[in-house]
């Protein structure tokens, strides 16, 4: 008697059920529309809450933000954030400057999780993805102009 064996193949996991957008956005009593700017502000604030994020945006975005702040005396919480909302689903892009010494891959995951949680909790929208781009690392012994504090003191 011979027995045939089949190679061990991983058992596929149960597919996750498709996520449905919040059905409370469209009801018999009316429609709730959440603008992209609202979602962008939520994403920007959620990213800033994560320890290890020094600032949002790349060089050009921060320069424009600095000019805007000097003219309007208010900061743009959407700086460095792009958002696309389509049929109840959200895609987010966030550009950051990380604090030196932080594990960047862990920081990106924490940012991703915080943004997804905040948007879903506050809007009911489904977040499909959050792309995190790290543009720079902030060195604690340098000021924002790139001058070493120790050199300036001498």
C-alpha atoms as a PDB file:
ATOM      1  CA  UNK A   1       0.000   0.000   0.000  1.00  0.00           C
ATOM      2  CA  UNK A   2       1.253   3.361  -0.870  1.00  0.00           C
ATOM      3  CA  UNK A   3      -0.027   6.520   0.524  1.00  0.00           C
ATOM      4  CA  UNK A   4       0.292   9.820  -1.133  1.00  0.00           C
ATOM      5  CA  UNK A   5       0.979  12.871   0.893  1.00  0.00           C
ATOM      6  CA  UNK A   6       0.298  16.361  -0.133  1.00  0.00           C
ATOM      7  CA  UNK A   7       2.743  19.078   0.727  1.00  0.00           C
ATOM      8  CA  UNK A   8       1.799  21.223   3.650  1.00  0.00           C
ATOM      9  CA  UNK A   9       0.148  24.313   2.348  1.00  0.00           C
ATOM     10  CA  UNK A  10      -0.861  27.139   4.575  1.00  0.00           C
ATOM     11  CA  UNK A  11      -4.553  27.253   5.244  1.00  0.00           C
ATOM     12  CA  UNK A  12      -5.932  30.515   3.942  1.00  0.00           C
ATOM     13  CA  UNK A  13      -7.228  32.759   6.660  1.00  0.00           C
ATOM     14  CA  UNK A  14     -10.854  33.666   6.596  1.00  0.00           C
ATOM     15  CA  UNK A  15     -11.088  36.713   4.401  1.00  0.00           C
ATOM     16  CA  UNK A  16     -12.009  39.796   6.320  1.00  0.00           C
ATOM     17  CA  UNK A  17     -15.499  40.921   5.528  1.00  0.00           C
ATOM     18  CA  UNK A  18     -15.667  43.968   3.306  1.00  0.00           C
ATOM     19  CA  UNK A  19     -15.838  47.151   5.311  1.00  0.00           C
ATOM     20  CA  UNK A  20     -18.891  49.231   4.634  1.00  0.00           C
ATOM     21  CA  UNK A  21     -18.941  53.012   4.863  1.00  0.00           C
ATOM     22  CA  UNK A  22     -20.942  54.560   7.676  1.00  0.00           C
ATOM     23  CA  UNK A  23     -24.548  54.293   6.597  1.00  0.00           C
ATOM     24  CA  UNK A  24     -25.519  57.152   8.920  1.00  0.00           C
ATOM     25  CA  UNK A  25     -24.084  59.629   6.408  1.00  0.00           C
ATOM     26  CA  UNK A  26     -27.157  59.135   4.203  1.00  0.00           C
ATOM     27  CA  UNK A  27     -30.465  58.711   5.983  1.00  0.00           C
ATOM     28  CA  UNK A  28     -34.109  59.209   5.177  1.00  0.00           C
ATOM     29  CA  UNK A  29     -33.846  62.560   6.983  1.00  0.00           C
ATOM     30  CA  UNK A  30     -30.888  63.951   5.077  1.00  0.00           C
ATOM     31  CA  UNK A  31     -27.289  63.594   4.005  1.00  0.00           C
ATOM     32  CA  UNK A  32     -24.150  64.355   5.981  1.00  0.00           C
ATOM     33  CA  UNK A  33     -21.259  65.561   3.840  1.00  0.00           C
ATOM     34  CA  UNK A  34     -17.793  65.636   5.376  1.00  0.00           C
ATOM     35  CA  UNK A  35     -15.431  67.794   3.323  1.00  0.00           C
ATOM     36  CA  UNK A  36     -11.865  66.699   2.572  1.00  0.00           C
ATOM     37  CA  UNK A  37     -10.543  69.678   4.559  1.00  0.00           C
ATOM     38  CA  UNK A  38     -12.237  68.371   7.709  1.00  0.00           C
ATOM     39  CA  UNK A  39     -10.690  64.937   7.238  1.00  0.00           C
ATOM     40  CA  UNK A  40      -7.323  66.600   6.527  1.00  0.00           C
ATOM     41  CA  UNK A  41      -7.458  68.580   9.757  1.00  0.00           C
ATOM     42  CA  UNK A  42      -8.305  65.463  11.744  1.00  0.00           C
ATOM     43  CA  UNK A  43      -5.397  63.610  10.111  1.00  0.00           C
ATOM     44  CA  UNK A  44      -2.969  66.478  10.729  1.00  0.00           C
ATOM     45  CA  UNK A  45      -3.887  66.813  14.389  1.00  0.00           C
ATOM     46  CA  UNK A  46      -3.770  63.040  14.901  1.00  0.00           C
ATOM     47  CA  UNK A  47      -0.285  62.867  13.361  1.00  0.00           C
ATOM     48  CA  UNK A  48       0.981  65.709  15.572  1.00  0.00           C
ATOM     49  CA  UNK A  49      -0.269  63.866  18.689  1.00  0.00           C
ATOM     50  CA  UNK A  50       2.218  61.035  18.138  1.00  0.00           C
ATOM     51  CA  UNK A  51       5.380  61.291  20.212  1.00  0.00           C
ATOM     52  CA  UNK A  52       8.420  61.495  17.941  1.00  0.00           C
ATOM     53  CA  UNK A  53       6.853  63.737  15.293  1.00  0.00           C
ATOM     54  CA  UNK A  54       8.810  66.995  15.236  1.00  0.00           C
ATOM     55  CA  UNK A  55       6.803  68.671  12.471  1.00  0.00           C
ATOM     56  CA  UNK A  56       4.631  67.968   9.450  1.00  0.00           C
ATOM     57  CA  UNK A  57       5.482  68.726   5.840  1.00  0.00           C
ATOM     58  CA  UNK A  58       8.569  68.827   3.692  1.00  0.00           C
ATOM     59  CA  UNK A  59      10.758  71.880   3.213  1.00  0.00           C
ATOM     60  CA  UNK A  60       8.489  73.746   0.781  1.00  0.00           C
ATOM     61  CA  UNK A  61       5.329  73.042   2.771  1.00  0.00           C
ATOM     62  CA  UNK A  62       6.965  74.278   5.970  1.00  0.00           C
ATOM     63  CA  UNK A  63       8.211  77.444   4.239  1.00  0.00           C
ATOM     64  CA  UNK A  64       4.731  78.245   2.949  1.00  0.00           C
ATOM     65  CA  UNK A  65       3.328  77.430   6.397  1.00  0.00           C
ATOM     66  CA  UNK A  66       5.768  79.823   8.072  1.00  0.00           C
ATOM     67  CA  UNK A  67       4.754  82.619   5.702  1.00  0.00           C
ATOM     68  CA  UNK A  68       1.062  81.877   6.287  1.00  0.00           C
ATOM     69  CA  UNK A  69       1.566  81.908  10.065  1.00  0.00           C
ATOM     70  CA  UNK A  70       3.363  85.257   9.963  1.00  0.00           C
ATOM     71  CA  UNK A  71       0.556  86.811   7.913  1.00  0.00           C
ATOM     72  CA  UNK A  72      -2.473  85.264   9.612  1.00  0.00           C
ATOM     73  CA  UNK A  73      -1.150  84.438  13.098  1.00  0.00           C
ATOM     74  CA  UNK A  74      -2.601  80.933  12.810  1.00  0.00           C
ATOM     75  CA  UNK A  75      -1.060  77.612  11.955  1.00  0.00           C
ATOM     76  CA  UNK A  76      -2.247  75.273   9.224  1.00  0.00           C
ATOM     77  CA  UNK A  77      -2.960  71.889  10.792  1.00  0.00           C
ATOM     78  CA  UNK A  78      -3.232  70.382   7.303  1.00  0.00           C
ATOM     79  CA  UNK A  79       0.368  71.223   6.408  1.00  0.00           C
ATOM     80  CA  UNK A  80       2.001  68.094   5.025  1.00  0.00           C
ATOM     81  CA  UNK A  81      -1.308  66.215   4.748  1.00  0.00           C
ATOM     82  CA  UNK A  82      -3.128  65.119   1.602  1.00  0.00           C
ATOM     83  CA  UNK A  83      -6.536  63.477   1.716  1.00  0.00           C
ATOM     84  CA  UNK A  84      -8.804  61.875  -0.831  1.00  0.00           C
ATOM     85  CA  UNK A  85     -12.344  60.859   0.112  1.00  0.00           C
ATOM     86  CA  UNK A  86     -14.288  58.724  -2.366  1.00  0.00           C
ATOM     87  CA  UNK A  87     -17.637  57.129  -1.543  1.00  0.00           C
ATOM     88  CA  UNK A  88     -16.997  56.888   2.181  1.00  0.00           C
ATOM     89  CA  UNK A  89     -13.420  55.643   1.828  1.00  0.00           C
ATOM     90  CA  UNK A  90     -10.359  57.717   2.704  1.00  0.00           C
ATOM     91  CA  UNK A  91      -6.739  57.677   1.543  1.00  0.00           C
ATOM     92  CA  UNK A  92      -4.293  59.832   3.490  1.00  0.00           C
ATOM     93  CA  UNK A  93      -0.744  60.933   2.779  1.00  0.00           C
ATOM     94  CA  UNK A  94       1.269  62.571   5.542  1.00  0.00           C
ATOM     95  CA  UNK A  95       4.775  64.037   5.324  1.00  0.00           C
ATOM     96  CA  UNK A  96       6.715  64.358   8.564  1.00  0.00           C
ATOM     97  CA  UNK A  97       9.978  65.325  10.162  1.00  0.00           C
ATOM     98  CA  UNK A  98      10.911  62.796  12.842  1.00  0.00           C
ATOM     99  CA  UNK A  99      12.764  63.473  16.065  1.00  0.00           C
ATOM    100  CA  UNK A 100      16.293  62.047  16.028  1.00  0.00           C
ATOM    101  CA  UNK A 101      16.575  58.721  17.841  1.00  0.00           C
ATOM    102  CA  UNK A 102      13.022  57.539  17.189  1.00  0.00           C
ATOM    103  CA  UNK A 103      12.519  54.172  15.470  1.00  0.00           C
ATOM    104  CA  UNK A 104      11.095  55.529  12.228  1.00  0.00           C
ATOM    105  CA  UNK A 105       9.265  52.350  11.216  1.00  0.00           C
ATOM    106  CA  UNK A 106       7.514  52.248  14.602  1.00  0.00           C
ATOM    107  CA  UNK A 107       6.771  55.968  14.392  1.00  0.00           C
ATOM    108  CA  UNK A 108       5.170  55.522  10.966  1.00  0.00           C
ATOM    109  CA  UNK A 109       2.997  52.691  12.282  1.00  0.00           C
ATOM    110  CA  UNK A 110       1.920  54.763  15.308  1.00  0.00           C
ATOM    111  CA  UNK A 111       1.056  57.713  13.047  1.00  0.00           C
ATOM    112  CA  UNK A 112      -0.880  55.426  10.722  1.00  0.00           C
ATOM    113  CA  UNK A 113      -2.855  53.886  13.594  1.00  0.00           C
ATOM    114  CA  UNK A 114      -3.617  57.224  15.268  1.00  0.00           C
ATOM    115  CA  UNK A 115      -4.840  58.790  12.017  1.00  0.00           C
ATOM    116  CA  UNK A 116      -7.005  55.789  11.139  1.00  0.00           C
ATOM    117  CA  UNK A 117      -8.551  55.683  14.613  1.00  0.00           C
ATOM    118  CA  UNK A 118      -9.241  59.426  14.748  1.00  0.00           C
ATOM    119  CA  UNK A 119     -10.820  59.650  11.291  1.00  0.00           C
ATOM    120  CA  UNK A 120     -12.979  56.565  11.765  1.00  0.00           C
ATOM    121  CA  UNK A 121     -14.099  57.591  15.249  1.00  0.00           C
ATOM    122  CA  UNK A 122     -14.904  61.195  14.342  1.00  0.00           C
ATOM    123  CA  UNK A 123     -16.411  60.731  10.879  1.00  0.00           C
ATOM    124  CA  UNK A 124     -17.456  57.122  10.443  1.00  0.00           C
ATOM    125  CA  UNK A 125     -15.483  57.033   7.182  1.00  0.00           C
ATOM    126  CA  UNK A 126     -13.377  53.995   6.283  1.00  0.00           C
ATOM    127  CA  UNK A 127      -9.626  54.664   6.063  1.00  0.00           C
ATOM    128  CA  UNK A 128      -8.139  52.424   3.380  1.00  0.00           C
ATOM    129  CA  UNK A 129      -4.533  53.575   3.663  1.00  0.00           C
ATOM    130  CA  UNK A 130      -2.211  56.077   5.285  1.00  0.00           C
ATOM    131  CA  UNK A 131       1.080  56.691   3.488  1.00  0.00           C
ATOM    132  CA  UNK A 132       3.799  58.216   5.688  1.00  0.00           C
ATOM    133  CA  UNK A 133       6.766  60.001   4.098  1.00  0.00           C
ATOM    134  CA  UNK A 134       9.672  60.976   6.350  1.00  0.00           C
ATOM    135  CA  UNK A 135      11.345  64.038   4.831  1.00  0.00           C
ATOM    136  CA  UNK A 136      13.925  64.731   7.507  1.00  0.00           C
ATOM    137  CA  UNK A 137      15.157  64.005  11.013  1.00  0.00           C
ATOM    138  CA  UNK A 138      15.308  66.852  13.520  1.00  0.00           C
ATOM    139  CA  UNK A 139      18.580  66.949  15.423  1.00  0.00           C
ATOM    140  CA  UNK A 140      18.071  68.248  18.966  1.00  0.00           C
ATOM    141  CA  UNK A 141      21.318  70.243  19.083  1.00  0.00           C
ATOM    142  CA  UNK A 142      20.403  72.272  15.992  1.00  0.00           C
ATOM    143  CA  UNK A 143      17.940  75.113  15.900  1.00  0.00           C
ATOM    144  CA  UNK A 144      15.462  75.536  13.046  1.00  0.00           C
ATOM    145  CA  UNK A 145      17.994  77.570  11.028  1.00  0.00           C
ATOM    146  CA  UNK A 146      20.481  74.702  11.041  1.00  0.00           C
ATOM    147  CA  UNK A 147      22.957  76.475  13.316  1.00  0.00           C
ATOM    148  CA  UNK A 148      24.622  74.502  16.068  1.00  0.00           C
ATOM    149  CA  UNK A 149      23.753  76.047  19.459  1.00  0.00           C
ATOM    150  CA  UNK A 150      27.234  75.281  20.785  1.00  0.00           C
ATOM    151  CA  UNK A 151      28.856  77.265  17.973  1.00  0.00           C
ATOM    152  CA  UNK A 152      26.560  80.256  18.535  1.00  0.00           C
ATOM    153  CA  UNK A 153      27.378  80.396  22.249  1.00  0.00           C
ATOM    154  CA  UNK A 154      31.162  80.652  21.675  1.00  0.00           C
END
